[in-house]
Protein backbone atom coordinates (compact mmCIF):
# COMPACT_ATOMS: atom_id res chain seq x y z
CA MET A 1 0.08 0.13 -0.03
CA LEU A 2 1.48 3.36 -0.97
CA GLN A 3 2.14 5.84 1.98
CA LEU A 4 -0.45 8.63 2.56
CA HIS A 5 1.99 11.33 3.02
CA THR A 6 3.67 10.26 -0.27
CA ILE A 7 0.47 10.69 -2.06
CA ARG A 8 -0.08 14.04 -0.60
CA GLU A 9 3.39 15.08 -1.63
CA ASN A 10 3.72 13.68 -5.01
CA LYS A 11 0.32 12.97 -6.63
CA GLU A 12 1.74 14.03 -10.10
CA GLY A 13 4.67 12.00 -9.81
CA ILE A 14 2.61 9.01 -8.66
CA ALA A 15 0.11 9.22 -11.55
CA THR A 16 2.90 9.41 -14.13
CA ALA A 17 4.84 6.44 -12.80
CA LEU A 18 1.41 4.36 -12.41
CA LYS A 19 0.95 5.35 -16.46
CA LYS A 20 3.58 2.36 -16.75
CA ARG A 21 1.11 0.04 -15.73
CA ASN A 22 -1.43 1.45 -18.04
CA ILE A 23 -3.56 2.90 -15.41
CA ASP A 24 -5.19 6.20 -14.79
CA ALA A 25 -4.66 6.77 -11.32
CA GLU A 26 -5.75 10.46 -11.33
CA PRO A 27 -9.25 9.73 -10.11
CA VAL A 28 -8.28 7.59 -7.18
CA LEU A 29 -5.35 9.67 -6.19
CA SER A 30 -7.98 12.80 -6.25
CA ALA A 31 -10.28 10.78 -4.28
CA ILE A 32 -7.69 9.66 -1.68
CA ILE A 33 -6.59 13.52 -1.11
CA ALA A 34 -9.94 14.56 -0.68
CA LEU A 35 -10.94 11.84 1.74
CA ASP A 36 -8.05 12.36 3.57
CA GLU A 37 -8.73 16.12 4.00
CA LYS A 38 -12.40 15.10 4.98
CA ARG A 39 -10.81 12.93 7.73
CA ARG A 40 -8.21 15.51 9.09
CA SER A 41 -11.17 18.01 9.14
CA LEU A 42 -13.50 15.55 10.98
CA GLN A 43 -10.56 14.81 13.44
CA THR A 44 -9.74 18.49 13.98
CA GLU A 45 -13.50 19.17 14.68
CA LEU A 46 -14.16 15.94 16.96
CA ASP A 47 -10.78 16.77 19.09
CA GLY A 48 -12.38 20.52 19.31
CA THR A 49 -15.86 19.08 20.41
CA LEU A 50 -14.39 16.69 23.02
CA ALA A 51 -12.04 19.25 24.50
CA GLU A 52 -15.04 21.75 24.77
CA SER A 53 -17.29 18.93 26.53
CA ASN A 54 -14.30 18.23 28.77
CA LYS A 55 -13.90 21.73 29.64
CA LEU A 56 -17.56 22.21 30.32
CA SER A 57 -17.30 19.11 32.50
CA LYS A 58 -14.80 20.63 34.66
CA GLU A 59 -16.84 23.83 34.91
CA ILE A 60 -20.02 22.01 36.09
CA GLY A 61 -18.03 20.03 38.55
CA MET A 62 -16.91 23.38 40.29
CA LEU A 63 -20.15 25.01 39.90
CA PHE A 64 -21.84 22.23 41.81
CA LYS A 65 -19.23 22.42 44.68
CA SER A 66 -19.91 26.05 44.71
CA GLY A 67 -23.60 25.76 45.15
CA LYS A 68 -24.57 26.79 41.73
CA ALA A 69 -26.67 24.26 40.53
CA LYS A 70 -28.79 25.99 38.21
CA GLU A 71 -25.69 27.22 35.97
CA ALA A 72 -24.34 23.89 36.35
CA ASN A 73 -27.67 22.37 34.91
CA VAL A 74 -27.43 24.69 31.93
CA LEU A 75 -23.93 23.59 31.09
CA LYS A 76 -24.97 19.93 31.34
CA GLU A 77 -27.39 20.54 28.84
CA GLN A 78 -24.59 21.92 26.72
CA THR A 79 -22.45 18.76 27.27
CA ALA A 80 -25.42 16.48 26.22
CA GLY A 81 -25.32 18.40 22.88
CA LEU A 82 -21.78 18.09 22.48
CA LYS A 83 -21.59 14.62 23.46
CA GLU A 84 -24.29 13.73 20.76
CA ALA A 85 -22.33 15.99 18.07
CA ALA A 86 -19.18 13.92 19.08
CA LYS A 87 -20.70 10.48 18.75
CA GLN A 88 -21.92 11.55 15.07
CA LEU A 89 -18.63 13.03 14.37
CA GLY A 90 -17.14 9.92 15.55
CA GLU A 91 -19.16 7.73 13.13
CA ASP A 92 -18.38 10.14 10.28
CA LEU A 93 -14.64 9.83 11.06
CA ASN A 94 -14.79 5.90 10.69
CA ALA A 95 -16.71 6.23 7.67
CA ALA A 96 -14.13 8.45 6.06
CA ALA A 97 -11.37 6.40 7.44
CA THR A 98 -12.84 3.48 5.97
CA ALA A 99 -13.58 4.90 2.80
CA LEU A 100 -9.97 6.13 2.62
CA GLN A 101 -8.67 2.65 3.32
CA GLU A 102 -10.52 1.17 0.55
CA GLN A 103 -9.48 3.88 -1.96
CA LEU A 104 -5.64 3.09 -0.86
CA TYR A 105 -6.23 -0.76 -1.52
CA GLN A 106 -7.08 0.01 -5.16
CA LEU A 107 -3.81 1.55 -5.80
CA PRO A 108 -1.10 -0.96 -6.98
CA ASN A 109 2.76 -0.22 -6.27
CA ILE A 110 4.82 2.35 -8.10
CA PRO A 111 6.78 0.60 -10.80
CA HIS A 112 10.76 0.79 -10.42
CA GLU A 113 12.38 3.08 -12.88
CA SER A 114 13.86 0.13 -14.58
CA VAL A 115 10.77 -1.31 -15.29
CA PRO A 116 10.05 -1.34 -19.13
CA ALA A 117 6.64 0.06 -20.68
CA GLY A 118 4.23 -2.28 -22.13
CA ASP A 119 0.87 -3.77 -22.04
CA SER A 120 1.55 -7.61 -21.65
CA ASP A 121 3.90 -10.36 -21.48
CA GLU A 122 4.79 -9.88 -24.99
CA ASP A 123 6.49 -6.61 -23.78
CA ASN A 124 8.56 -8.17 -21.15
CA GLU A 125 12.52 -7.47 -21.58
CA GLU A 126 14.62 -10.66 -21.92
CA VAL A 127 17.67 -9.67 -19.70
CA PHE A 128 19.52 -13.04 -19.51
CA ARG A 129 19.80 -16.40 -21.11
CA GLU A 130 21.69 -19.51 -20.46
CA GLY A 131 21.96 -23.09 -21.28
CA ASP A 132 21.73 -25.34 -24.38
CA VAL A 133 18.48 -26.59 -25.63
CA PRO A 134 18.97 -30.27 -26.23
CA THR A 135 18.21 -31.87 -29.38
CA LEU A 136 15.74 -34.57 -28.64
CA SER A 137 15.12 -38.05 -30.60
CA GLN A 138 12.26 -38.18 -33.12
CA GLY A 139 8.88 -38.64 -31.39
CA ALA A 140 9.78 -36.80 -28.22
CA LEU A 141 6.84 -36.45 -25.86
CA PRO A 142 5.30 -33.76 -23.81
CA HIS A 143 5.34 -34.48 -20.11
CA TRP A 144 1.78 -35.57 -19.66
CA GLU A 145 2.28 -38.07 -22.06
CA LEU A 146 5.53 -39.18 -20.50
CA ALA A 147 3.75 -39.06 -16.98
CA LYS A 148 1.13 -41.65 -18.60
CA LYS A 149 3.94 -43.77 -20.31
CA TYR A 150 5.97 -44.19 -17.21
CA ASP A 151 2.94 -44.26 -14.89
CA ILE A 152 4.59 -41.44 -12.41
CA ILE A 153 1.71 -38.70 -12.52
CA ASP A 154 -1.97 -39.85 -12.56
CA PHE A 155 -3.75 -36.68 -13.69
CA GLU A 156 -7.20 -38.81 -14.26
CA LEU A 157 -7.02 -40.19 -10.85
CA GLY A 158 -6.70 -36.63 -9.37
CA VAL A 159 -9.91 -35.59 -11.31
CA LYS A 160 -11.73 -38.69 -9.57
CA VAL A 161 -10.54 -37.81 -6.35
CA THR A 162 -10.79 -34.14 -6.41
CA GLY A 163 -10.89 -32.54 -9.98
CA ALA A 164 -8.78 -31.13 -12.75
CA GLY A 165 -5.68 -29.52 -11.35
CA PHE A 166 -5.06 -31.99 -8.67
CA PRO A 167 -2.86 -34.39 -9.77
CA VAL A 168 -1.48 -37.61 -8.16
CA TYR A 169 2.31 -38.30 -7.99
CA LYS A 170 3.17 -42.13 -8.24
CA GLY A 171 6.23 -44.21 -7.49
CA LYS A 172 9.47 -42.39 -9.19
CA GLY A 173 7.31 -39.63 -9.87
CA ALA A 174 6.53 -38.97 -6.15
CA ARG A 175 10.19 -39.60 -5.26
CA LEU A 176 11.48 -37.29 -7.68
CA GLN A 177 8.84 -34.61 -6.36
CA ARG A 178 10.15 -35.16 -2.85
CA ALA A 179 13.90 -34.78 -3.87
CA LEU A 180 13.38 -31.64 -5.47
CA ILE A 181 11.92 -30.13 -2.41
CA SER A 182 14.60 -31.48 -0.38
CA TYR A 183 17.36 -30.19 -2.70
CA PHE A 184 15.68 -26.61 -3.12
CA LEU A 185 15.62 -26.33 0.75
CA ASP A 186 19.31 -27.39 1.12
CA LYS A 187 20.30 -24.96 -1.44
CA ASN A 188 18.55 -22.32 0.12
CA THR A 189 19.54 -23.25 3.78
CA GLU A 190 23.25 -23.27 2.71
CA ALA A 191 22.78 -19.61 1.34
CA GLY A 192 21.80 -18.40 4.77
CA TYR A 193 17.76 -18.70 4.55
CA VAL A 194 16.16 -19.97 7.53
CA GLU A 195 13.91 -22.87 7.02
CA VAL A 196 10.37 -22.49 8.53
CA GLN A 197 7.13 -24.53 7.97
CA PRO A 198 4.37 -21.95 8.21
CA PRO A 199 0.55 -22.62 8.16
CA LEU A 200 -1.17 -23.50 4.98
CA MET A 201 -4.12 -21.25 6.04
CA VAL A 202 -4.07 -17.59 6.93
CA ASN A 203 -6.62 -15.19 8.37
CA GLU A 204 -8.07 -11.92 6.42
CA SER A 205 -5.32 -9.68 8.08
CA SER A 206 -2.57 -11.92 6.67
CA GLY A 207 -4.19 -11.88 2.98
CA TYR A 208 -4.25 -7.74 3.26
CA GLY A 209 -0.87 -7.76 4.67
CA THR A 210 1.10 -9.26 1.67
CA GLY A 211 -1.64 -7.71 -0.97
CA GLN A 212 -3.53 -10.83 -1.87
CA LEU A 213 -6.75 -9.25 -0.73
CA PRO A 214 -8.52 -7.71 -1.89
CA ASP A 215 -6.97 -7.64 -5.04
CA LYS A 216 -6.89 -11.65 -5.49
CA GLU A 217 -9.74 -12.77 -3.46
CA GLY A 218 -11.35 -14.76 -6.42
CA GLN A 219 -7.86 -16.69 -6.96
CA MET A 220 -7.81 -18.03 -3.34
CA TYR A 221 -9.91 -20.67 -1.58
CA HIS A 222 -11.85 -19.40 1.36
CA VAL A 223 -12.95 -21.59 4.14
CA GLN A 224 -16.05 -19.54 5.04
CA ALA A 225 -16.98 -21.24 8.43
CA ASP A 226 -13.76 -20.33 9.99
CA ASP A 227 -13.04 -17.24 7.41
CA LEU A 228 -9.45 -18.48 6.32
CA TYR A 229 -7.93 -18.79 3.12
CA LEU A 230 -5.56 -21.63 1.63
CA ILE A 231 -2.32 -20.10 0.85
CA PRO A 232 -1.63 -19.25 -2.82
CA THR A 233 2.24 -18.92 -1.94
CA ALA A 234 4.19 -19.65 1.42
CA GLU A 235 5.17 -15.82 0.82
CA VAL A 236 1.94 -14.97 2.58
CA PRO A 237 2.50 -16.81 6.08
CA ILE A 238 6.16 -16.44 6.09
CA THR A 239 6.16 -12.53 5.17
CA ASN A 240 3.29 -12.14 8.20
CA LEU A 241 5.63 -13.40 10.44
CA HIS A 242 6.66 -10.17 11.31
CA ARG A 243 3.36 -8.44 10.63
CA GLY A 244 3.09 -5.48 13.32
CA ASP A 245 6.85 -5.62 14.42
CA MET A 246 9.23 -3.03 15.28
CA LEU A 247 12.74 -4.05 14.36
CA VAL A 248 16.18 -2.44 14.57
CA ALA A 249 18.71 -1.97 11.58
CA GLN A 250 20.89 -4.66 13.03
CA ASP A 251 18.30 -7.32 12.46
CA PHE A 252 18.67 -7.20 8.83
CA PRO A 253 18.94 -9.27 6.39
CA ILE A 254 16.04 -11.49 7.59
CA ARG A 255 15.96 -14.69 5.16
CA TYR A 256 13.44 -17.22 5.31
CA THR A 257 13.00 -20.43 3.02
CA GLY A 258 9.84 -22.72 3.19
CA TYR A 259 8.16 -25.35 1.47
CA THR A 260 4.47 -25.50 1.23
CA PRO A 261 1.85 -26.73 -0.96
CA CYS A 262 -0.15 -24.01 -2.75
CA PHE A 263 -3.72 -23.44 -3.74
CA ARG A 264 -5.15 -21.26 -6.60
CA ARG A 265 -8.59 -21.06 -8.03
CA GLU A 266 -7.49 -19.65 -11.39
CA ALA A 267 -10.20 -19.08 -14.37
CA GLY A 268 -10.65 -22.22 -16.47
CA SER A 269 -8.70 -22.29 -19.90
CA TYR A 270 -8.06 -24.96 -22.38
CA GLY A 271 -5.14 -25.89 -24.57
CA ALA A 272 -1.59 -27.25 -24.51
CA HIS A 273 -0.46 -24.21 -22.53
CA VAL A 274 -2.63 -25.43 -19.34
CA ARG A 275 -2.36 -29.15 -20.06
CA GLY A 276 -0.42 -31.46 -17.40
CA LEU A 277 1.42 -29.65 -15.05
CA ASN A 278 1.44 -26.27 -16.92
CA ARG A 279 -1.44 -24.94 -14.62
CA LEU A 280 -2.54 -26.58 -11.34
CA HIS A 281 -4.79 -25.63 -8.64
CA GLN A 282 -2.66 -27.55 -6.08
CA PHE A 283 1.06 -27.40 -6.49
CA ASP A 284 4.45 -27.71 -4.47
CA LYS A 285 6.66 -24.62 -4.13
CA VAL A 286 9.63 -23.63 -2.37
CA GLU A 287 9.66 -20.19 -1.51
CA ILE A 288 12.47 -17.52 -0.37
CA VAL A 289 11.58 -14.29 1.51
CA ARG A 290 13.63 -11.53 2.73
CA VAL A 291 12.92 -8.51 4.80
CA ASP A 292 15.54 -5.98 4.57
CA HIS A 293 16.93 -2.49 5.03
CA PRO A 294 15.55 -0.02 2.15
CA SER A 295 19.21 0.90 1.14
CA ASN A 296 20.00 -2.99 0.52
CA SER A 297 16.89 -4.29 -0.88
CA TYR A 298 17.92 -3.98 -4.49
CA GLU A 299 21.40 -5.56 -3.96
CA ALA A 300 19.50 -8.37 -2.15
CA LEU A 301 17.23 -8.58 -5.13
CA ASP A 302 20.20 -9.40 -7.22
CA GLU A 303 21.57 -11.75 -4.70
CA MET A 304 18.04 -13.63 -4.97
CA VAL A 305 18.28 -13.69 -8.64
CA GLU A 306 21.98 -15.06 -8.56
CA HIS A 307 20.58 -17.48 -6.07
CA VAL A 308 18.03 -18.97 -8.33
CA LYS A 309 20.48 -18.95 -11.26
CA GLY A 310 22.73 -21.30 -9.37
CA ILE A 311 19.80 -23.53 -8.79
CA LEU A 312 18.74 -23.80 -12.54
CA ARG A 313 22.59 -24.22 -13.32
CA ASP A 314 22.92 -27.09 -11.29
CA LEU A 315 19.77 -28.82 -12.72
CA GLU A 316 21.37 -27.99 -16.28
CA LEU A 317 18.12 -26.56 -17.60
CA PRO A 318 18.20 -24.08 -20.20
CA TYR A 319 16.49 -20.97 -18.81
CA ARG A 320 16.13 -17.10 -19.62
CA ILE A 321 15.16 -14.12 -17.09
CA LEU A 322 12.68 -11.61 -18.24
CA ARG A 323 12.36 -8.08 -16.61
CA LEU A 324 8.40 -7.65 -16.37
CA CYS A 325 6.87 -4.66 -17.94
CA GLY A 326 4.52 -2.17 -16.54
CA GLY A 327 1.48 -4.18 -17.87
CA ASP A 328 2.55 -7.56 -16.72
CA LEU A 329 3.79 -6.46 -13.31
CA GLY A 330 2.03 -7.98 -10.15
CA PHE A 331 -0.20 -5.71 -8.30
CA THR A 332 2.26 -5.49 -5.26
CA ALA A 333 5.84 -5.50 -6.93
CA ALA A 334 7.91 -2.53 -7.58
CA LEU A 335 10.21 -4.82 -9.87
CA THR A 336 9.90 -8.57 -10.68
CA TYR A 337 12.19 -10.55 -12.64
CA ASP A 338 10.54 -14.00 -14.11
CA PHE A 339 12.60 -16.91 -14.48
CA GLU A 340 11.54 -19.42 -17.53
CA VAL A 341 12.50 -22.86 -18.46
CA PHE A 342 12.67 -23.98 -22.00
CA SER A 343 10.32 -26.92 -22.91
CA THR A 344 11.94 -28.59 -25.82
CA ALA A 345 9.12 -31.12 -26.33
CA GLN A 346 6.14 -28.49 -26.01
CA ASP A 347 8.60 -25.66 -27.87
CA ARG A 348 7.87 -23.09 -25.43
CA TRP A 349 8.85 -21.04 -22.33
CA LEU A 350 7.50 -22.13 -19.05
CA GLU A 351 7.73 -19.84 -15.98
CA ILE A 352 9.11 -21.49 -13.16
CA SER A 353 10.11 -18.54 -10.45
CA SER A 354 8.91 -14.94 -10.15
CA VAL A 355 11.71 -12.86 -7.90
CA SER A 356 10.51 -9.51 -6.65
CA ASN A 357 11.04 -6.48 -4.72
CA PHE A 358 7.96 -4.72 -2.98
CA GLU A 359 9.92 -2.07 -1.27
CA THR A 360 7.62 -0.57 1.34
CA PHE A 361 4.38 -1.54 -0.27
CA GLN A 362 3.79 -4.57 1.78
CA ALA A 363 5.57 -3.42 4.75
CA ASN A 364 3.04 -0.23 5.14
CA ARG A 365 0.22 -2.87 4.92
CA LEU A 366 1.79 -5.05 7.77
CA LYS A 367 3.02 -2.16 9.86
CA LEU A 368 6.49 -3.75 9.53
CA ARG A 369 8.93 -1.19 10.74
CA PHE A 370 12.39 -0.73 12.12
CA LYS A 371 14.20 1.86 13.82
CA ASP A 372 17.23 3.26 12.08
CA GLU A 373 20.66 4.14 13.65
CA ASN A 374 19.26 7.58 14.57
CA GLY A 375 15.96 6.15 16.52
CA LYS A 376 13.72 7.16 13.60
CA SER A 377 10.96 4.64 12.66
CA GLN A 378 10.92 3.60 9.05
CA LEU A 379 9.22 1.04 7.03
CA ALA A 380 11.06 -2.08 5.78
CA HIS A 381 11.44 -3.42 2.35
CA THR A 382 10.34 -7.05 1.57
CA LEU A 383 11.07 -9.27 -1.22
CA ASN A 384 10.29 -12.72 -2.18
CA GLY A 385 10.98 -15.43 -4.91
CA SER A 386 10.28 -19.09 -5.70
CA ALA A 387 13.16 -21.24 -5.55
CA LEU A 388 11.36 -22.72 -7.04
CA ALA A 389 7.97 -23.79 -8.07
CA LEU A 390 7.97 -27.40 -8.70
CA PRO A 391 5.22 -28.22 -11.43
CA ARG A 392 6.89 -26.77 -14.68
CA VAL A 393 10.49 -27.55 -13.20
CA LEU A 394 9.24 -31.25 -13.08
CA ALA A 395 7.97 -30.75 -16.54
CA GLY A 396 10.97 -29.36 -18.14
CA ILE A 397 13.31 -32.19 -16.27
CA LEU A 398 10.87 -34.90 -17.73
CA GLU A 399 11.02 -33.22 -21.28
CA ASN A 400 14.45 -32.43 -21.63
CA TYR A 401 15.94 -35.19 -20.16
CA GLN A 402 13.96 -37.75 -22.07
CA THR A 403 15.78 -40.36 -24.06
CA PRO A 404 14.53 -43.40 -26.01
CA GLU A 405 15.50 -45.86 -23.08
CA GLY A 406 13.91 -43.49 -20.48
CA ILE A 407 14.18 -40.21 -18.66
CA LYS A 408 17.62 -39.42 -17.07
CA ILE A 409 17.67 -37.68 -13.76
CA PRO A 410 19.82 -34.40 -13.22
CA LYS A 411 23.20 -35.55 -11.59
CA VAL A 412 22.39 -33.29 -8.79
CA LEU A 413 19.10 -34.74 -7.92
CA VAL A 414 20.55 -38.55 -7.98
CA PRO A 415 21.62 -38.45 -4.47
CA TYR A 416 18.22 -37.24 -3.32
CA CYS A 417 16.27 -39.87 -5.62
CA GLY A 418 18.32 -42.86 -5.19
CA PHE A 419 18.00 -43.69 -9.11
CA GLU A 420 19.29 -42.54 -12.30
CA THR A 421 16.58 -43.01 -14.68
CA ILE A 422 12.79 -43.35 -14.90
CA SER A 423 12.14 -46.10 -17.24
């Protein structure tokens, strides 16, 4: 959430910056400033009314002590009117504050200056590419056909048990999935990230804290009886570990990693681009989260990008990195780098990680602050990234490592799997 004082002081600059997202923010910004002025005016009037009421109450007490009951009763009538006015002002003030908050929730984060302009993913900027695309034998199969051939993932059985988008991993497929999770966590902890195992459901405050609510409410599974949400990513519960905290500069950097299943209600669509593991309602992901000093957050972002690069090099998968354009940038992010693995069998790029800096946007919602060296309170910066999302990594491994004899396992995963091929 953007800070109110920043909006008041730099309305035109924010409106210009949000044009990169193809958003005309002028009406919302004007409404926010008007509501803030109304809120401030109501607060001033309420403070004055309460002060006058308190002053009269003291005078009434003194008059009664002095035996001047008649004069005291006159003032009591005035205080009754003031109390009624204060009650109405309080209600008006709460309504204005609620309306102001709702307007603030509508504004996405300001894009970093390096974010390119653009309307969609076609305008994202490729900034890095590495790895050789393998040459597959004739008759190479997409991963959903490989999964059926080697009986390692059963999509139809998942439909029977739950529905589309809930696959069942079997045998070596399940072991490979577990191997990837363990390998990712080991890589992350070796890099200094503290492993945590967070809850898989969060309350509404947590959803608002990291920006999933109200922006992505329709994409989250909601347990209405308990008013809890199944997490769309471990970013949500892990970042909320520090909601409302007052840190000190010496606490930084704070680094976490965690494995969780993730749950997303996405609009249904059809075609090869969503077949198999390409888009699921339940999937596994290992996340990395950082809370950092504002002066260090972009260096931290670069470190996270390099870390994910190292994982993909270990897996020997061809990949590229995209800097997302304004039109494709997530609601809460200031800058995002997407990692994509090339699927040779599908002849397309598959997104397997997003690494983002949210600057103060989430921290302002979370009320996540720190005291700097001068004792001044400031908002921290938050960052997160997938390291990595498993479905499309697994799809890339199955497709790019297939041979006529079976599917080879990346060397780095063999100690975790206990086998070298799936055949």
